[in-house]
C-alpha cells in the first residue's frame, strides 16, 4: 500500500496524536504509530524522518495516571505531554517544545473537541477517528470512520471528508503468553464495576452469581479484570458487613491468594469454594477476547466488550436503588440526602427506567437489543440460570457475537488511517 505514495520532500512536519486512557493507547495509538513508522521507513533513504511523532494526553475520568509511563516506555514519540498539562499546552505550546509550522493533529481517544482546539491553536490540520459519531465534522479536515453508519450520521455537506476505514479494535493481537486457548474449561468474565459506588452492589451480587453457576457446572472458570481504580482489598471490604448491601447476599470471600507463574495475579475462593481469578493487567483484551461470555454492570465497559465482540449479559439490580450513593454523577451526590434519595428512587423506578429503552452501549448505538439486558428486581440465581443456558447453547452466543461484529468495522484500519495521515502530510 505504501509504495503507492509519492515521495515527500524532506520537511519538518509534526504528527500530533491526541489520546486519553489505557485502552485507546494500546489498541488505537500503538498500532497506528507502528504503521506510521513503516511509512517513514519506506519513504526515507536515510535516517532523516519526513515527520516526527508527538503524543498529547488529555483529561479523562477513566485514565489510570500511568498513561505517560506506558507511552514513554515505547520510545516512539519525540514528545509526550501529560494530561494535567493539557490546558497549559493550549495556552502556551512553546513552553513545551518548538512546533513545526506545519502538522496534523490526529484524534485517537478522549473528547474530539480537545483535538479540534489543539489543531486550531497550532494551526495544523485535524484528522478524527470516529468510532460511533463524528461530533465536529465542520472543523475536521479528514474523518476516518469505523463503519458506514458513522458516515451516514455526518451532515451531507461534510460527507466528502469521511472515509470508512474499519475498526482499530479489530486488529488486536493476542499475546500467546496470556492466551486461554487449548483450555478445556469455559471462561466467564465478571465486571462488577470500577468505582466504589458500583462495587458496593456489584461485588456481593456477582459473587453469588458465580456460586450459583459453579454449583451447576464445574467446567467454568471465572475471571475478574481488576479496574485500574480498584484493588483487591475492596473486594474484601464490599463483601463484608461494612457494606450494608452485602447482608442481602449469602456468598462471602474465604480468601484471596497470590498466584505465581500464571497470566492471573490472584484467586478468590468463596465460602462455597468457587474460584474466581483476578488479573491486574489493564487493558486485558487478550484474555477477555477469548472468554465465552461476560456478566457486566451498565457503563462504558459495555462499549469495550462490544469492541472485542464479547457476548455479555448486562445487569442492573434495581432493588438497591434506594442506595443512591451507589450511583455515579449528580445522582450519587444529591442521593445522599435522605428526602431527595426517596424522591429520586421513586422517579427512577417509575419514570426513568420505564422510559429508557436501552442501557448497554451496543444496544443504544444500534437501537436494537443485541445483548440481553436484565434491569429490575433481579436475583443472582436468575442471572446464573440464564448464563448456564447460554453456555449450553453455543449457537446463541455465536449469534450475539456475530451481531456485535456487524456493528463494528473491518480489519486493517490502522494501516488505512496511517495512509490518510501520510496523504495529508503530502498536501502540506
Protein backbone atom coordinates (compact mmCIF):
# COMPACT_ATOMS: atom_id res chain seq x y z
CA UNK A 1 0.00 0.00 0.00
CA UNK A 2 2.73 2.45 0.97
CA UNK A 3 4.52 2.08 -2.38
CA UNK A 4 1.59 3.94 -3.93
CA UNK A 5 2.50 7.09 -2.02
CA UNK A 6 4.61 9.64 -3.89
CA UNK A 7 7.85 10.57 -2.17
CA UNK A 8 7.67 13.55 0.12
CA UNK A 9 10.16 16.34 0.15
CA UNK A 10 12.15 16.40 3.36
CA UNK A 11 10.42 18.88 5.61
CA UNK A 12 9.74 19.49 9.28
CA UNK A 13 6.21 18.25 9.93
CA UNK A 14 4.65 17.13 13.21
CA UNK A 15 2.07 14.38 13.62
CA UNK A 16 0.40 15.08 16.97
CA UNK A 17 -1.74 12.26 18.34
CA UNK A 18 -4.37 13.11 20.94
CA UNK A 19 -5.44 10.28 23.26
CA UNK A 20 -6.55 9.54 26.81
CA UNK A 21 -6.95 6.16 28.52
CA UNK A 22 -5.05 2.86 28.58
CA UNK A 23 -7.42 1.09 26.18
CA UNK A 24 -7.07 3.74 23.48
CA UNK A 25 -3.28 3.85 23.86
CA UNK A 26 -2.94 0.10 23.49
CA UNK A 27 -5.50 -0.63 20.78
CA UNK A 28 -5.65 2.64 18.81
CA UNK A 29 -2.47 4.66 19.23
CA UNK A 30 0.16 1.93 19.26
CA UNK A 31 -0.86 0.15 16.02
CA UNK A 32 -1.32 3.44 14.15
CA UNK A 33 2.10 4.67 15.29
CA UNK A 34 3.66 1.39 14.11
CA UNK A 35 2.11 1.87 10.67
CA UNK A 36 3.28 5.49 10.53
CA UNK A 37 6.83 4.40 11.35
CA UNK A 38 6.66 1.91 8.47
CA UNK A 39 5.72 4.78 6.17
CA UNK A 40 8.64 6.86 7.43
CA UNK A 41 10.98 3.94 6.86
CA UNK A 42 9.69 3.20 3.37
CA UNK A 43 9.78 6.83 2.24
CA UNK A 44 13.17 7.80 3.61
CA UNK A 45 16.53 6.98 2.05
CA UNK A 46 18.41 7.80 5.24
CA UNK A 47 17.74 8.37 8.94
CA UNK A 48 16.03 11.72 8.37
CA UNK A 49 12.31 11.41 9.06
CA UNK A 50 9.67 13.13 6.99
CA UNK A 51 7.63 13.73 10.14
CA UNK A 52 8.03 13.49 13.88
CA UNK A 53 5.53 11.90 16.25
CA UNK A 54 4.21 13.63 19.35
CA UNK A 55 1.61 12.43 21.84
CA UNK A 56 -0.74 14.71 23.77
CA UNK A 57 -2.64 13.07 26.64
CA UNK A 58 -5.92 14.75 27.53
CA UNK A 59 -8.01 14.77 30.75
CA UNK A 60 -10.14 11.64 31.17
CA UNK A 61 -12.06 10.22 34.17
CA UNK A 62 -11.18 6.66 33.07
CA UNK A 63 -7.43 7.27 32.89
CA UNK A 64 -5.15 5.35 35.27
CA UNK A 65 -2.49 8.03 35.66
CA UNK A 66 0.09 5.65 34.16
CA UNK A 67 -0.54 6.53 30.51
CA UNK A 68 2.56 8.73 30.30
CA UNK A 69 4.84 5.98 31.64
CA UNK A 70 3.35 3.39 29.29
CA UNK A 71 3.67 5.57 26.18
CA UNK A 72 7.15 6.72 27.19
CA UNK A 73 8.33 3.11 27.50
CA UNK A 74 7.57 2.54 23.81
CA UNK A 75 10.26 5.05 22.73
CA UNK A 76 8.14 6.02 19.73
CA UNK A 77 7.47 9.71 20.41
CA UNK A 78 9.65 12.78 20.18
CA UNK A 79 7.48 14.47 22.82
CA UNK A 80 4.75 13.33 25.25
CA UNK A 81 2.72 15.78 27.31
CA UNK A 82 0.78 14.65 30.38
CA UNK A 83 -2.98 15.11 30.70
CA UNK A 84 -2.56 17.51 33.63
CA UNK A 85 -0.55 19.79 31.31
CA UNK A 86 -3.16 19.95 28.54
CA UNK A 87 -4.54 23.40 29.36
CA UNK A 88 -1.06 24.83 29.77
CA UNK A 89 -0.19 23.33 26.39
CA UNK A 90 -3.18 25.03 24.77
CA UNK A 91 -2.29 28.39 26.29
CA UNK A 92 1.42 28.27 25.58
CA UNK A 93 2.52 25.29 23.44
CA UNK A 94 6.03 26.75 23.00
CA UNK A 95 6.72 26.32 26.71
CA UNK A 96 6.93 22.58 25.98
CA UNK A 97 8.77 22.49 22.67
CA UNK A 98 9.30 24.15 19.32
CA UNK A 99 6.44 23.32 16.97
CA UNK A 100 6.91 22.99 13.21
CA UNK A 101 4.88 25.43 11.15
CA UNK A 102 3.01 22.55 9.53
CA UNK A 103 1.47 19.48 11.04
CA UNK A 104 -1.51 17.22 11.64
CA UNK A 105 -3.45 16.60 14.86
CA UNK A 106 -5.00 13.11 14.97
CA UNK A 107 -7.81 12.26 17.38
CA UNK A 108 -7.38 8.79 18.87
CA UNK A 109 -9.18 9.00 22.20
CA UNK A 110 -10.76 11.38 24.68
CA UNK A 111 -13.09 14.18 23.69
CA UNK A 112 -12.97 15.03 19.99
CA UNK A 113 -13.26 18.71 20.86
CA UNK A 114 -9.81 18.72 22.50
CA UNK A 115 -8.16 17.68 19.24
CA UNK A 116 -10.08 20.37 17.36
CA UNK A 117 -8.93 23.02 19.86
CA UNK A 118 -5.32 21.87 19.70
CA UNK A 119 -5.30 21.80 15.90
CA UNK A 120 -6.67 25.35 15.76
CA UNK A 121 -4.17 26.53 18.36
CA UNK A 122 -1.21 25.06 16.46
CA UNK A 123 -2.57 25.94 13.03
CA UNK A 124 -2.48 22.26 12.00
CA UNK A 125 -4.86 20.05 10.06
CA UNK A 126 -7.22 17.84 12.07
CA UNK A 127 -7.99 14.16 11.44
CA UNK A 128 -10.64 12.47 13.58
CA UNK A 129 -11.08 8.74 14.02
CA UNK A 130 -14.83 8.37 14.66
CA UNK A 131 -15.82 5.10 16.31
CA UNK A 132 -19.51 5.91 16.79
CA UNK A 133 -20.03 9.52 15.68
CA UNK A 134 -18.08 12.47 14.32
CA UNK A 135 -19.11 15.32 16.61
CA UNK A 136 -17.36 18.24 14.90
CA UNK A 137 -17.29 17.46 11.16
CA UNK A 138 -17.31 21.16 10.27
CA UNK A 139 -13.92 21.66 11.94
CA UNK A 140 -12.30 18.37 10.90
CA UNK A 141 -10.24 18.23 7.73
CA UNK A 142 -10.47 14.44 7.45
CA UNK A 143 -12.73 11.91 9.18
CA UNK A 144 -11.84 8.24 9.39
CA UNK A 145 -15.00 6.29 10.24
CA UNK A 146 -15.27 2.87 11.81
CA UNK A 147 -18.21 1.87 9.60
CA UNK A 148 -20.79 3.16 7.12
CA UNK A 149 -23.25 4.03 9.90
CA UNK A 150 -20.84 6.65 11.24
CA UNK A 151 -20.60 8.24 7.80
CA UNK A 152 -24.39 8.27 7.40
CA UNK A 153 -24.69 10.44 10.55
CA UNK A 154 -22.43 13.14 9.11
CA UNK A 155 -24.27 16.11 7.50
CA UNK A 156 -24.35 15.85 3.72
CA UNK A 157 -22.14 18.89 3.12
CA UNK A 158 -19.32 17.34 5.17
CA UNK A 159 -19.58 13.73 3.99
CA UNK A 160 -16.83 14.24 1.40
CA UNK A 161 -14.32 14.46 4.26
CA UNK A 162 -15.14 10.97 5.51
CA UNK A 163 -13.55 7.66 4.58
CA UNK A 164 -14.68 4.37 6.10
CA UNK A 165 -11.51 2.61 7.26
CA UNK A 166 -12.76 -0.11 9.63
CA UNK A 167 -12.28 -0.92 13.29
CA UNK A 168 -9.00 -0.21 15.07
CA UNK A 169 -10.04 -2.70 17.75
CA UNK A 170 -10.37 -5.47 15.17
CA UNK A 171 -6.60 -5.70 14.82
CA UNK A 172 -5.92 -6.58 18.46
CA UNK A 173 -3.08 -9.08 18.52
CA UNK A 174 -3.34 -11.83 21.11
CA UNK A 175 -0.35 -12.35 23.39
CA UNK A 176 0.25 -16.09 23.32
CA UNK A 177 1.57 -15.97 26.89
CA UNK A 178 -1.79 -14.72 28.08
CA UNK A 179 -3.89 -16.88 25.80
CA UNK A 180 -6.62 -19.14 27.20
CA UNK A 181 -6.68 -21.29 24.09
CA UNK A 182 -6.47 -25.06 24.32
CA UNK A 183 -8.05 -24.91 27.75
CA UNK A 184 -10.77 -27.39 28.43
CA UNK A 185 -12.98 -25.15 30.54
CA UNK A 186 -15.34 -22.34 29.63
CA UNK A 187 -14.36 -18.86 30.79
CA UNK A 188 -16.80 -16.22 32.05
CA UNK A 189 -15.69 -12.64 32.75
CA UNK A 190 -17.28 -10.80 35.67
CA UNK A 191 -17.26 -6.98 35.59
CA UNK A 192 -18.87 -5.75 38.82
CA UNK A 193 -17.86 -2.12 38.29
CA UNK A 194 -14.83 0.13 38.57
CA UNK A 195 -15.90 2.73 41.12
CA UNK A 196 -16.54 2.11 44.80
CA UNK A 197 -20.17 3.08 44.38
CA UNK A 198 -20.91 0.36 41.84
CA UNK A 199 -18.75 -2.19 43.63
CA UNK A 200 -20.95 -1.96 46.73
CA UNK A 201 -23.71 -3.63 44.72
CA UNK A 202 -21.65 -5.47 42.14
CA UNK A 203 -19.32 -7.46 44.36
CA UNK A 204 -21.88 -9.21 46.61
CA UNK A 205 -24.27 -9.73 43.67
CA UNK A 206 -21.64 -11.13 41.29
CA UNK A 207 -20.08 -13.39 43.94
CA UNK A 208 -23.43 -15.06 44.43
CA UNK A 209 -23.98 -15.36 40.68
CA UNK A 210 -20.63 -17.18 40.41
CA UNK A 211 -21.51 -19.52 43.27
CA UNK A 212 -24.85 -20.48 41.69
CA UNK A 213 -23.19 -21.14 38.32
CA UNK A 214 -20.37 -23.19 39.84
CA UNK A 215 -22.89 -25.28 41.77
CA UNK A 216 -24.48 -26.43 38.50
CA UNK A 217 -21.46 -26.53 36.20
CA UNK A 218 -17.90 -27.23 37.40
CA UNK A 219 -16.49 -26.80 33.90
CA UNK A 220 -16.47 -22.99 34.15
CA UNK A 221 -13.69 -20.64 35.29
CA UNK A 222 -14.45 -17.08 36.35
CA UNK A 223 -12.27 -14.05 35.62
CA UNK A 224 -12.41 -10.52 37.02
CA UNK A 225 -10.22 -7.88 35.33
CA UNK A 226 -9.33 -5.54 38.20
CA UNK A 227 -10.14 -1.98 37.14
CA UNK A 228 -7.22 0.47 37.42
CA UNK A 229 -9.17 2.50 40.02
CA UNK A 230 -9.66 -0.60 42.19
CA UNK A 231 -7.55 -3.04 44.20
CA UNK A 232 -8.16 -6.47 45.70
CA UNK A 233 -8.74 -5.08 49.22
CA UNK A 234 -12.01 -3.52 48.03
CA UNK A 235 -13.36 -6.94 47.15
CA UNK A 236 -12.93 -7.96 50.79
CA UNK A 237 -14.46 -4.74 52.05
CA UNK A 238 -17.62 -4.78 49.91
CA UNK A 239 -18.49 -8.39 50.70
CA UNK A 240 -18.20 -7.70 54.43
CA UNK A 241 -20.68 -6.39 56.99
CA UNK A 242 -19.23 -2.91 56.46
CA UNK A 243 -21.23 -2.81 53.22
CA UNK A 244 -24.98 -2.61 54.04
CA UNK A 245 -25.91 -4.26 50.72
CA UNK A 246 -23.83 -7.37 51.44
CA UNK A 247 -26.38 -8.61 54.00
CA UNK A 248 -28.81 -9.38 51.15
CA UNK A 249 -26.41 -11.95 49.67
CA UNK A 250 -25.08 -15.19 51.10
CA UNK A 251 -21.78 -15.53 49.23
CA UNK A 252 -18.62 -14.42 51.02
CA UNK A 253 -14.90 -14.43 50.27
CA UNK A 254 -12.97 -17.07 52.21
CA UNK A 255 -9.55 -16.00 50.94
CA UNK A 256 -7.67 -14.08 48.25
CA UNK A 257 -4.36 -15.70 47.32
CA UNK A 258 -1.47 -14.65 45.11
CA UNK A 259 -0.75 -16.78 42.02
CA UNK A 260 2.70 -17.33 40.56
CA UNK A 261 3.64 -18.41 37.03
CA UNK A 262 0.19 -17.61 35.64
CA UNK A 263 -1.46 -14.98 33.48
CA UNK A 264 -3.60 -14.24 36.55
CA UNK A 265 -2.43 -12.37 39.65
CA UNK A 266 -4.80 -13.56 42.39
CA UNK A 267 -7.54 -16.08 43.02
CA UNK A 268 -10.63 -15.52 45.15
CA UNK A 269 -12.04 -18.52 46.98
CA UNK A 270 -15.62 -18.02 48.09
CA UNK A 271 -17.21 -19.59 51.16
CA UNK A 272 -18.74 -22.15 48.76
CA UNK A 273 -15.29 -22.98 47.29
CA UNK A 274 -15.87 -21.23 43.96
CA UNK A 275 -12.63 -19.90 42.45
CA UNK A 276 -12.56 -16.52 40.69
CA UNK A 277 -9.30 -15.44 39.04
CA UNK A 278 -8.22 -11.80 39.16
CA UNK A 279 -5.97 -10.11 36.63
CA UNK A 280 -4.26 -6.76 37.20
CA UNK A 281 -3.23 -6.10 33.59
CA UNK A 282 -5.20 -3.25 32.05
CA UNK A 283 -6.49 -3.42 29.49
CA UNK A 284 -6.55 -7.24 29.28
CA UNK A 285 -8.32 -7.62 25.95
CA UNK A 286 -6.20 -10.67 25.12
CA UNK A 287 -7.88 -12.55 27.97
CA UNK A 288 -11.37 -11.11 27.57
CA UNK A 289 -11.40 -11.75 23.82
CA UNK A 290 -11.18 -15.48 24.45
CA UNK A 291 -13.89 -15.70 27.11
CA UNK A 292 -17.23 -17.27 26.23
CA UNK A 293 -19.35 -14.64 27.96
CA UNK A 294 -19.23 -11.61 30.26
CA UNK A 295 -21.60 -10.59 33.04
CA UNK A 296 -21.33 -6.85 33.49
CA UNK A 297 -22.84 -3.76 35.03
CA UNK A 298 -24.06 -0.88 32.87
CA UNK A 299 -21.46 1.66 31.77
CA UNK A 300 -18.59 2.31 29.38
CA UNK A 301 -17.36 -1.26 29.90
CA UNK A 302 -20.24 -2.46 27.70
CA UNK A 303 -18.71 -0.49 24.83
CA UNK A 304 -15.29 -2.08 25.41
CA UNK A 305 -16.78 -5.57 25.49
CA UNK A 306 -18.71 -4.82 22.31
CA UNK A 307 -15.49 -3.63 20.67
CA UNK A 308 -13.92 -7.06 21.13
CA UNK A 309 -17.26 -8.71 20.21
CA UNK A 310 -17.58 -10.50 23.55
CA UNK A 311 -21.17 -11.64 24.26
CA UNK A 312 -22.47 -10.19 27.52
CA UNK A 313 -25.39 -10.06 29.90
CA UNK A 314 -25.89 -6.56 31.30
CA UNK A 315 -27.39 -6.40 34.78
CA UNK A 316 -28.80 -3.58 36.92
CA UNK A 317 -30.46 -4.78 40.17
CA UNK A 318 -33.00 -2.03 40.87
CA UNK A 319 -33.84 -3.38 44.33
CA UNK A 320 -30.91 -1.31 45.60
CA UNK A 321 -31.92 1.99 44.04
CA UNK A 322 -32.59 3.42 47.50
CA UNK A 323 -28.81 3.30 47.97
CA UNK A 324 -28.46 6.31 45.67
CA UNK A 325 -24.91 6.95 46.80
CA UNK A 326 -24.15 3.81 44.77
CA UNK A 327 -24.84 5.83 41.62
CA UNK A 328 -22.39 7.87 39.57
CA UNK A 329 -22.54 11.60 38.93
CA UNK A 330 -25.12 14.02 40.30
CA UNK A 331 -27.47 11.19 41.40
CA UNK A 332 -24.78 9.94 43.75
CA UNK A 333 -24.17 13.38 45.22
CA UNK A 334 -27.71 14.54 45.93
CA UNK A 335 -28.86 10.98 46.66
CA UNK A 336 -27.03 11.11 49.99
CA UNK A 337 -29.70 13.49 51.24
CA UNK A 338 -32.45 11.31 52.72
CA UNK A 339 -35.56 13.10 51.39
CA UNK A 340 -34.06 13.62 47.93
CA UNK A 341 -32.95 9.99 47.94
CA UNK A 342 -36.55 8.80 48.34
CA UNK A 343 -37.81 11.14 45.61
CA UNK A 344 -35.09 10.06 43.17
CA UNK A 345 -35.74 6.40 43.87
CA UNK A 346 -39.42 6.88 43.09
CA UNK A 347 -38.66 8.90 39.96
CA UNK A 348 -36.08 6.46 38.59
CA UNK A 349 -38.21 3.36 39.21
CA UNK A 350 -41.46 4.77 37.87
CA UNK A 351 -40.32 7.03 35.05
CA UNK A 352 -36.67 6.86 34.04
CA UNK A 353 -36.26 3.07 33.89
CA UNK A 354 -39.57 2.60 32.11
CA UNK A 355 -38.89 5.31 29.53
CA UNK A 356 -35.27 4.43 28.75
CA UNK A 357 -35.14 1.74 26.06
CA UNK A 358 -31.56 0.53 26.28
CA UNK A 359 -28.72 0.65 28.81
CA UNK A 360 -25.86 -1.21 27.09
CA UNK A 361 -23.81 0.78 24.58
CA UNK A 362 -24.11 -1.72 21.70
CA UNK A 363 -27.89 -1.67 22.12
CA UNK A 364 -28.02 2.12 22.40
CA UNK A 365 -25.93 2.63 19.28
CA UNK A 366 -27.69 0.02 17.16
CA UNK A 367 -31.14 0.95 18.56
CA UNK A 368 -31.96 -2.72 18.99
CA UNK A 369 -31.42 -5.46 21.58
CA UNK A 370 -28.15 -7.09 20.57
CA UNK A 371 -27.04 -8.15 24.05
CA UNK A 372 -29.51 -9.11 26.80
CA UNK A 373 -30.21 -6.53 29.49
CA UNK A 374 -31.64 -7.57 32.84
CA UNK A 375 -32.91 -4.47 34.60
CA UNK A 376 -35.18 -4.74 37.61
CA UNK A 377 -35.62 -6.67 40.83
CA UNK A 378 -33.37 -9.46 39.60
CA UNK A 379 -31.71 -12.18 41.64
CA UNK A 380 -28.26 -13.79 41.24
CA UNK A 381 -29.98 -17.17 40.80
CA UNK A 382 -31.97 -15.85 37.83
CA UNK A 383 -28.84 -14.45 36.14
CA UNK A 384 -26.96 -17.70 36.82
CA UNK A 385 -29.74 -19.71 35.21
CA UNK A 386 -29.58 -17.58 32.05
CA UNK A 387 -25.79 -17.84 31.91
CA UNK A 388 -25.95 -21.63 32.16
CA UNK A 389 -28.48 -21.70 29.33
CA UNK A 390 -26.25 -19.59 27.07
CA UNK A 391 -23.15 -21.65 27.84
CA UNK A 392 -25.02 -24.79 26.78
CA UNK A 393 -26.33 -23.11 23.62
CA UNK A 394 -23.25 -22.00 21.73
CA UNK A 395 -25.36 -21.01 18.70
CA UNK A 396 -26.96 -18.23 20.74
CA UNK A 397 -23.58 -16.95 21.88
CA UNK A 398 -22.33 -17.03 18.30
CA UNK A 399 -25.39 -15.06 17.19
CA UNK A 400 -24.67 -12.34 19.78
CA UNK A 401 -21.01 -12.25 18.76
CA UNK A 402 -21.90 -12.00 15.07
CA UNK A 403 -24.36 -9.16 15.71
CA UNK A 404 -21.73 -7.28 17.73
CA UNK A 405 -19.27 -7.74 14.87
CA UNK A 406 -21.79 -6.32 12.36
CA UNK A 407 -21.94 -3.11 14.38
CA UNK A 408 -18.17 -2.75 14.29
CA UNK A 409 -15.88 -2.46 11.26
CA UNK A 410 -13.40 -4.49 9.25
CA UNK A 411 -9.72 -5.15 9.97
CA UNK A 412 -6.84 -3.12 8.58
CA UNK A 413 -7.97 0.23 9.98
CA UNK A 414 -4.56 1.18 11.43
CA UNK A 415 -2.87 0.87 8.03
CA UNK A 416 -5.62 2.83 6.29
CA UNK A 417 -5.54 5.61 8.89
CA UNK A 418 -1.76 5.87 8.58
CA UNK A 419 -2.22 6.21 4.80
CA UNK A 420 -4.71 9.07 5.32
CA UNK A 421 -2.27 10.84 7.67
CA UNK A 422 0.59 10.44 5.19
CA UNK A 423 -1.52 11.81 2.36
CA UNK A 424 -2.47 14.81 4.48
CA UNK A 425 1.21 15.50 5.19
CA UNK A 426 1.96 15.27 1.47
CA UNK A 427 -0.51 18.12 0.84
CA UNK A 428 1.09 20.47 3.39
